[in-house]
Every structure is written in C-alpha cells, then in structure tokens.
Amino acid sequence: MPHKNLSRLSLVLLSAAVLGVILFLVTLNSSSAGIAVKTARIHQNSDAFFLTARIHYQLSKEAHSALKNGITLNFTVNVSVIEPRPWLPNKVHLTLPLTYQLKYHTLAKAFQLTDMRQQQYNFSRLEPALHALGILKDISLHASLIQNKKNLQGRIKVALDIEALPLPMRPMAYISPGWHLRSNTYLWPIH
C-alpha cells in the first residue's frame, strides 16, 4: 500500500513539474511578442507641428506564421493631443489614426510595408521591415488645433487591427493571446 501512494505522489509531482515547465516556456515565448513605444515627441517648425516617434514591433508566432502565409497585417497608430484636467475628463484637441500594412509576397520573397500615404517599401527580411514600421518621422499635425495651448500631452497607442484580418481568422484571433499585439499608452508632455 505505501508503495502505491509513493508512486501516485511521484506521478503527481512529475506532472506538476512538467506543467510548470510548459507554462514557463509559453510565458517566456509570448512575452517576447508585442509592441512598445520607445520615444515620441512633437516639435514645432515655423507654424507647423510634427510628430516623431520610435516604436518596437515583435510579432508573435501566430502573426508571423500568418504573414508568411500571405495574410496582410494592419497596424493602427493612434496619436492624440490631450489637455489633462483635474476634475473633468481630459480634453482631446487632436486625434490622428495612422494605418500601416505589412504583407509578404511569396513569389518575390519580399516583405512590403505600406504607410498611411500609400507609399510602399520592400524588404528582403522581416527585421528591417519591422524596424521601418517603427519609425515615424515628421508626421504633420494640424497646427491650429494645438497652437497657443498650454499643459498639453501627447498620447500614442499602437495595435494590430484584428478587424482587418480575413473573416475566417477573426474568431480565433479574438481568443488567442498571440493576436493581441498592442502597446501600452505612451504619454509625454508637449512644450
């Protein structure tokens, strides 16, 4: 009898250890995927305002596999200029959604990045395409909406647009953490 209890205990402990290792590996693998806004600033040149930002993209296994199989990935960069108010909701002076597409052309073996101005850039490898996707340089903002205002903050949030995926893929994308690629909200003061 004690021998059976000992073997059951060993089996339970072994199962728990294997489950722990699997959960650790899944967590480790999924933690590397995501989007992070590294820097952002709005600068003025004459009467115009321009946004410059650096965003780091790391695709999940699911998104990478879909891209390599011909699925276009759409990313939305939501830029806002807000005025924080202590007792009222923040006042939004400017909202600017910027959309980008990343696709892979199997025959050409090239990644194609299309920006919000419909300019296309081709890359032979994914890493340079993701790097280019993450560089926002001198994006023009509506100066009249933010000129002569004080205590403003810039706000950026970036996300993979699940709604832009093909319809048959969306249900699985909604429930799979690998498809929920988004950044935290990045805030900074505008001087």
C-alpha atoms as a PDB file:
ATOM      1  CA  MET A   1       0.000   0.000   0.000  1.00  0.00           C
ATOM      2  CA  PRO A   2       2.703   2.597   0.848  1.00  0.00           C
ATOM      3  CA  HIS A   3       4.393   1.755  -2.462  1.00  0.00           C
ATOM      4  CA  LYS A   4       1.238   2.705  -4.442  1.00  0.00           C
ATOM      5  CA  ASN A   5       0.880   6.014  -2.545  1.00  0.00           C
ATOM      6  CA  LEU A   6       4.523   6.806  -3.208  1.00  0.00           C
ATOM      7  CA  SER A   7       4.171   6.131  -6.956  1.00  0.00           C
ATOM      8  CA  ARG A   8       0.990   8.262  -7.129  1.00  0.00           C
ATOM      9  CA  LEU A   9       2.766  11.081  -5.332  1.00  0.00           C
ATOM     10  CA  SER A  10       5.718  10.781  -7.701  1.00  0.00           C
ATOM     11  CA  LEU A  11       3.369  10.873 -10.692  1.00  0.00           C
ATOM     12  CA  VAL A  12       1.572  13.957  -9.336  1.00  0.00           C
ATOM     13  CA  LEU A  13       4.870  15.741  -8.652  1.00  0.00           C
ATOM     14  CA  LEU A  14       6.233  14.842 -12.078  1.00  0.00           C
ATOM     15  CA  SER A  15       3.019  16.046 -13.759  1.00  0.00           C
ATOM     16  CA  ALA A  16       3.141  19.317 -11.824  1.00  0.00           C
ATOM     17  CA  ALA A  17       6.789  19.860 -12.784  1.00  0.00           C
ATOM     18  CA  VAL A  18       6.108  19.193 -16.476  1.00  0.00           C
ATOM     19  CA  LEU A  19       3.099  21.524 -16.407  1.00  0.00           C
ATOM     20  CA  GLY A  20       5.207  24.204 -14.704  1.00  0.00           C
ATOM     21  CA  VAL A  21       7.924  23.939 -17.363  1.00  0.00           C
ATOM     22  CA  ILE A  22       5.342  24.135 -20.163  1.00  0.00           C
ATOM     23  CA  LEU A  23       3.687  27.212 -18.621  1.00  0.00           C
ATOM     24  CA  PHE A  24       7.092  28.838 -18.146  1.00  0.00           C
ATOM     25  CA  LEU A  25       8.038  28.234 -21.791  1.00  0.00           C
ATOM     26  CA  VAL A  26       4.686  29.529 -23.054  1.00  0.00           C
ATOM     27  CA  THR A  27       5.017  32.648 -20.889  1.00  0.00           C
ATOM     28  CA  LEU A  28       8.613  33.152 -21.994  1.00  0.00           C
ATOM     29  CA  ASN A  29       7.675  32.762 -25.662  1.00  0.00           C
ATOM     30  CA  SER A  30       4.638  35.036 -25.545  1.00  0.00           C
ATOM     31  CA  SER A  31       6.398  37.727 -23.509  1.00  0.00           C
ATOM     32  CA  SER A  32       8.793  38.467 -26.345  1.00  0.00           C
ATOM     33  CA  ALA A  33       5.936  39.339 -28.715  1.00  0.00           C
ATOM     34  CA  GLY A  34       4.355  42.751 -28.514  1.00  0.00           C
ATOM     35  CA  ILE A  35       4.554  46.422 -29.368  1.00  0.00           C
ATOM     36  CA  ALA A  36       6.334  49.082 -27.317  1.00  0.00           C
ATOM     37  CA  VAL A  37       6.512  52.821 -27.940  1.00  0.00           C
ATOM     38  CA  LYS A  38      10.107  53.743 -27.085  1.00  0.00           C
ATOM     39  CA  THR A  39      10.118  57.506 -27.703  1.00  0.00           C
ATOM     40  CA  ALA A  40       7.803  60.167 -29.041  1.00  0.00           C
ATOM     41  CA  ARG A  41       7.878  63.923 -29.348  1.00  0.00           C
ATOM     42  CA  ILE A  42       6.087  66.725 -31.137  1.00  0.00           C
ATOM     43  CA  HIS A  43       8.265  69.558 -32.373  1.00  0.00           C
ATOM     44  CA  GLN A  44       7.415  72.845 -33.996  1.00  0.00           C
ATOM     45  CA  ASN A  45       8.949  74.144 -37.206  1.00  0.00           C
ATOM     46  CA  SER A  46       7.670  77.631 -38.071  1.00  0.00           C
ATOM     47  CA  ASP A  47       3.887  77.390 -37.791  1.00  0.00           C
ATOM     48  CA  ALA A  48       3.756  73.618 -38.284  1.00  0.00           C
ATOM     49  CA  PHE A  49       3.886  70.791 -35.739  1.00  0.00           C
ATOM     50  CA  PHE A  50       5.436  67.396 -36.470  1.00  0.00           C
ATOM     51  CA  LEU A  51       5.385  64.043 -34.691  1.00  0.00           C
ATOM     52  CA  THR A  52       8.490  61.871 -34.466  1.00  0.00           C
ATOM     53  CA  ALA A  53       8.353  58.517 -32.680  1.00  0.00           C
ATOM     54  CA  ARG A  54      10.148  55.204 -32.351  1.00  0.00           C
ATOM     55  CA  ILE A  55       8.091  52.030 -31.893  1.00  0.00           C
ATOM     56  CA  HIS A  56       9.395  48.495 -31.390  1.00  0.00           C
ATOM     57  CA  TYR A  57       7.411  45.660 -33.016  1.00  0.00           C
ATOM     58  CA  GLN A  58       7.905  41.976 -32.199  1.00  0.00           C
ATOM     59  CA  LEU A  59       5.457  39.604 -33.892  1.00  0.00           C
ATOM     60  CA  SER A  60       4.008  36.582 -32.136  1.00  0.00           C
ATOM     61  CA  LYS A  61       4.340  33.124 -33.682  1.00  0.00           C
ATOM     62  CA  GLU A  62       0.724  33.308 -34.875  1.00  0.00           C
ATOM     63  CA  ALA A  63       1.138  36.696 -36.547  1.00  0.00           C
ATOM     64  CA  HIS A  64       4.487  35.721 -38.090  1.00  0.00           C
ATOM     65  CA  SER A  65       3.065  32.473 -39.468  1.00  0.00           C
ATOM     66  CA  ALA A  66       0.014  34.229 -40.911  1.00  0.00           C
ATOM     67  CA  LEU A  67       2.216  36.897 -42.516  1.00  0.00           C
ATOM     68  CA  LYS A  68       4.463  34.263 -44.107  1.00  0.00           C
ATOM     69  CA  ASN A  69       1.320  32.555 -45.448  1.00  0.00           C
ATOM     70  CA  GLY A  70       0.102  35.661 -47.268  1.00  0.00           C
ATOM     71  CA  ILE A  71      -2.093  37.329 -44.641  1.00  0.00           C
ATOM     72  CA  THR A  72      -1.762  41.119 -44.538  1.00  0.00           C
ATOM     73  CA  LEU A  73      -1.229  42.580 -41.068  1.00  0.00           C
ATOM     74  CA  ASN A  74      -2.670  46.044 -40.426  1.00  0.00           C
ATOM     75  CA  PHE A  75      -1.369  48.191 -37.590  1.00  0.00           C
ATOM     76  CA  THR A  76      -3.012  51.361 -36.288  1.00  0.00           C
ATOM     77  CA  VAL A  77      -1.034  54.066 -34.516  1.00  0.00           C
ATOM     78  CA  ASN A  78      -3.476  56.315 -32.643  1.00  0.00           C
ATOM     79  CA  VAL A  79      -1.966  59.731 -31.909  1.00  0.00           C
ATOM     80  CA  SER A  80      -3.770  62.220 -29.681  1.00  0.00           C
ATOM     81  CA  VAL A  81      -3.026  65.576 -28.147  1.00  0.00           C
ATOM     82  CA  ILE A  82      -4.858  65.988 -24.876  1.00  0.00           C
ATOM     83  CA  GLU A  83      -5.227  68.605 -22.174  1.00  0.00           C
ATOM     84  CA  PRO A  84      -5.365  66.936 -18.749  1.00  0.00           C
ATOM     85  CA  ARG A  85      -7.998  68.438 -16.450  1.00  0.00           C
ATOM     86  CA  PRO A  86      -8.141  67.593 -12.744  1.00  0.00           C
ATOM     87  CA  TRP A  87     -11.906  67.358 -12.192  1.00  0.00           C
ATOM     88  CA  LEU A  88     -13.168  66.832 -15.729  1.00  0.00           C
ATOM     89  CA  PRO A  89     -12.368  64.302 -18.437  1.00  0.00           C
ATOM     90  CA  ASN A  90      -9.284  65.164 -20.467  1.00  0.00           C
ATOM     91  CA  LYS A  91      -9.972  67.497 -23.373  1.00  0.00           C
ATOM     92  CA  VAL A  92      -8.893  65.985 -26.690  1.00  0.00           C
ATOM     93  CA  HIS A  93      -7.528  68.614 -29.083  1.00  0.00           C
ATOM     94  CA  LEU A  94      -6.342  66.274 -31.827  1.00  0.00           C
ATOM     95  CA  THR A  95      -6.857  62.637 -32.789  1.00  0.00           C
ATOM     96  CA  LEU A  96      -4.931  61.183 -35.706  1.00  0.00           C
ATOM     97  CA  PRO A  97      -5.135  57.469 -36.619  1.00  0.00           C
ATOM     98  CA  LEU A  98      -2.200  56.324 -38.765  1.00  0.00           C
ATOM     99  CA  THR A  99      -2.565  52.986 -40.540  1.00  0.00           C
ATOM    100  CA  TYR A 100       0.194  50.743 -41.845  1.00  0.00           C
ATOM    101  CA  GLN A 101       0.084  47.451 -43.742  1.00  0.00           C
ATOM    102  CA  LEU A 102       2.673  44.722 -43.695  1.00  0.00           C
ATOM    103  CA  LYS A 103       2.450  41.844 -46.154  1.00  0.00           C
ATOM    104  CA  TYR A 104       4.689  39.121 -47.519  1.00  0.00           C
ATOM    105  CA  HIS A 105       4.920  38.348 -51.236  1.00  0.00           C
ATOM    106  CA  THR A 106       5.749  34.659 -51.511  1.00  0.00           C
ATOM    107  CA  LEU A 107       6.926  34.663 -55.134  1.00  0.00           C
ATOM    108  CA  ALA A 108       9.164  37.693 -54.689  1.00  0.00           C
ATOM    109  CA  LYS A 109      10.175  36.590 -51.163  1.00  0.00           C
ATOM    110  CA  ALA A 110       9.807  40.183 -50.038  1.00  0.00           C
ATOM    111  CA  PHE A 111       8.048  41.968 -47.211  1.00  0.00           C
ATOM    112  CA  GLN A 112       6.102  45.036 -48.303  1.00  0.00           C
ATOM    113  CA  LEU A 113       5.313  47.905 -45.957  1.00  0.00           C
ATOM    114  CA  THR A 114       2.647  50.420 -46.981  1.00  0.00           C
ATOM    115  CA  ASP A 115       2.343  53.607 -44.935  1.00  0.00           C
ATOM    116  CA  MET A 116      -0.606  55.955 -44.441  1.00  0.00           C
ATOM    117  CA  ARG A 117       0.392  57.957 -47.553  1.00  0.00           C
ATOM    118  CA  GLN A 118       0.192  54.717 -49.586  1.00  0.00           C
ATOM    119  CA  GLN A 119       3.950  54.736 -50.157  1.00  0.00           C
ATOM    120  CA  GLN A 120       5.339  51.223 -50.445  1.00  0.00           C
ATOM    121  CA  TYR A 121       8.707  49.928 -49.263  1.00  0.00           C
ATOM    122  CA  ASN A 122      10.102  46.444 -49.940  1.00  0.00           C
ATOM    123  CA  PHE A 123      12.423  44.421 -47.709  1.00  0.00           C
ATOM    124  CA  SER A 124      14.084  41.039 -48.152  1.00  0.00           C
ATOM    125  CA  ARG A 125      13.904  40.301 -44.396  1.00  0.00           C
ATOM    126  CA  LEU A 126      11.269  40.822 -41.720  1.00  0.00           C
ATOM    127  CA  GLU A 127      13.506  42.593 -39.166  1.00  0.00           C
ATOM    128  CA  PRO A 128      14.253  45.632 -41.380  1.00  0.00           C
ATOM    129  CA  ALA A 129      10.557  45.843 -42.322  1.00  0.00           C
ATOM    130  CA  LEU A 130       9.548  45.913 -38.640  1.00  0.00           C
ATOM    131  CA  HIS A 131      12.267  48.481 -37.935  1.00  0.00           C
ATOM    132  CA  ALA A 132      10.959  50.732 -40.731  1.00  0.00           C
ATOM    133  CA  LEU A 133       7.400  50.229 -39.490  1.00  0.00           C
ATOM    134  CA  GLY A 134       8.529  51.543 -36.115  1.00  0.00           C
ATOM    135  CA  ILE A 135       9.982  54.830 -37.327  1.00  0.00           C
ATOM    136  CA  LEU A 136       7.572  57.756 -37.513  1.00  0.00           C
ATOM    137  CA  LYS A 137       9.380  60.821 -38.747  1.00  0.00           C
ATOM    138  CA  ASP A 138       7.955  64.296 -39.188  1.00  0.00           C
ATOM    139  CA  ILE A 139       4.287  63.337 -39.394  1.00  0.00           C
ATOM    140  CA  SER A 140       2.445  66.604 -39.938  1.00  0.00           C
ATOM    141  CA  LEU A 141      -0.156  67.579 -37.339  1.00  0.00           C
ATOM    142  CA  HIS A 142      -2.900  70.189 -37.564  1.00  0.00           C
ATOM    143  CA  ALA A 143      -1.171  73.203 -36.031  1.00  0.00           C
ATOM    144  CA  SER A 144      -4.345  75.226 -35.460  1.00  0.00           C
ATOM    145  CA  LEU A 145      -5.688  72.616 -33.037  1.00  0.00           C
ATOM    146  CA  ILE A 146      -2.688  72.727 -30.710  1.00  0.00           C
ATOM    147  CA  GLN A 147      -1.050  76.098 -31.272  1.00  0.00           C
ATOM    148  CA  ASN A 148      -1.033  78.542 -28.320  1.00  0.00           C
ATOM    149  CA  LYS A 149      -2.323  75.910 -25.911  1.00  0.00           C
ATOM    150  CA  LYS A 150      -0.609  75.122 -22.596  1.00  0.00           C
ATOM    151  CA  ASN A 151      -0.238  71.985 -20.490  1.00  0.00           C
ATOM    152  CA  LEU A 152      -0.752  69.606 -23.409  1.00  0.00           C
ATOM    153  CA  GLN A 153       0.248  65.960 -23.511  1.00  0.00           C
ATOM    154  CA  GLY A 154       0.898  63.695 -26.446  1.00  0.00           C
ATOM    155  CA  ARG A 155      -0.574  60.207 -26.370  1.00  0.00           C
ATOM    156  CA  ILE A 156       0.235  57.227 -28.608  1.00  0.00           C
ATOM    157  CA  LYS A 157      -1.265  53.755 -28.579  1.00  0.00           C
ATOM    158  CA  VAL A 158      -0.434  51.128 -31.213  1.00  0.00           C
ATOM    159  CA  ALA A 159      -2.284  47.900 -32.010  1.00  0.00           C
ATOM    160  CA  LEU A 160      -2.627  45.154 -34.567  1.00  0.00           C
ATOM    161  CA  ASP A 161      -6.055  45.596 -36.179  1.00  0.00           C
ATOM    162  CA  ILE A 162      -7.799  42.248 -35.716  1.00  0.00           C
ATOM    163  CA  GLU A 163     -10.855  43.574 -37.589  1.00  0.00           C
ATOM    164  CA  ALA A 164      -8.722  43.857 -40.751  1.00  0.00           C
ATOM    165  CA  LEU A 165      -7.871  40.139 -40.740  1.00  0.00           C
ATOM    166  CA  PRO A 166      -9.805  37.862 -43.099  1.00  0.00           C
ATOM    167  CA  LEU A 167     -13.198  36.992 -41.645  1.00  0.00           C
ATOM    168  CA  PRO A 168     -12.500  33.265 -41.059  1.00  0.00           C
ATOM    169  CA  MET A 169      -9.426  34.136 -38.940  1.00  0.00           C
ATOM    170  CA  ARG A 170     -11.092  36.659 -36.640  1.00  0.00           C
ATOM    171  CA  PRO A 171     -12.827  34.333 -34.123  1.00  0.00           C
ATOM    172  CA  MET A 172      -9.548  32.575 -33.303  1.00  0.00           C
ATOM    173  CA  ALA A 173      -7.678  35.893 -33.260  1.00  0.00           C
ATOM    174  CA  TYR A 174     -10.111  37.304 -30.696  1.00  0.00           C
ATOM    175  CA  ILE A 175      -9.468  34.472 -28.231  1.00  0.00           C
ATOM    176  CA  SER A 176      -5.766  33.824 -28.891  1.00  0.00           C
ATOM    177  CA  PRO A 177      -3.308  35.981 -26.889  1.00  0.00           C
ATOM    178  CA  GLY A 178      -0.815  35.781 -29.775  1.00  0.00           C
ATOM    179  CA  TRP A 179      -3.033  38.051 -31.851  1.00  0.00           C
ATOM    180  CA  HIS A 180      -3.484  40.728 -29.181  1.00  0.00           C
ATOM    181  CA  LEU A 181      -0.450  42.769 -30.145  1.00  0.00           C
ATOM    182  CA  ARG A 182      -0.760  46.251 -28.686  1.00  0.00           C
ATOM    183  CA  SER A 183       1.311  48.790 -26.858  1.00  0.00           C
ATOM    184  CA  ASN A 184       0.665  50.447 -23.565  1.00  0.00           C
ATOM    185  CA  THR A 185      -0.454  54.055 -23.814  1.00  0.00           C
ATOM    186  CA  TYR A 186       2.615  56.275 -24.122  1.00  0.00           C
ATOM    187  CA  LEU A 187       2.206  59.817 -22.688  1.00  0.00           C
ATOM    188  CA  TRP A 188       4.632  62.736 -22.789  1.00  0.00           C
ATOM    189  CA  PRO A 189       4.437  66.497 -22.143  1.00  0.00           C
ATOM    190  CA  ILE A 190       4.351  68.838 -25.141  1.00  0.00           C
ATOM    191  CA  HIS A 191       6.362  72.004 -24.660  1.00  0.00           C
END
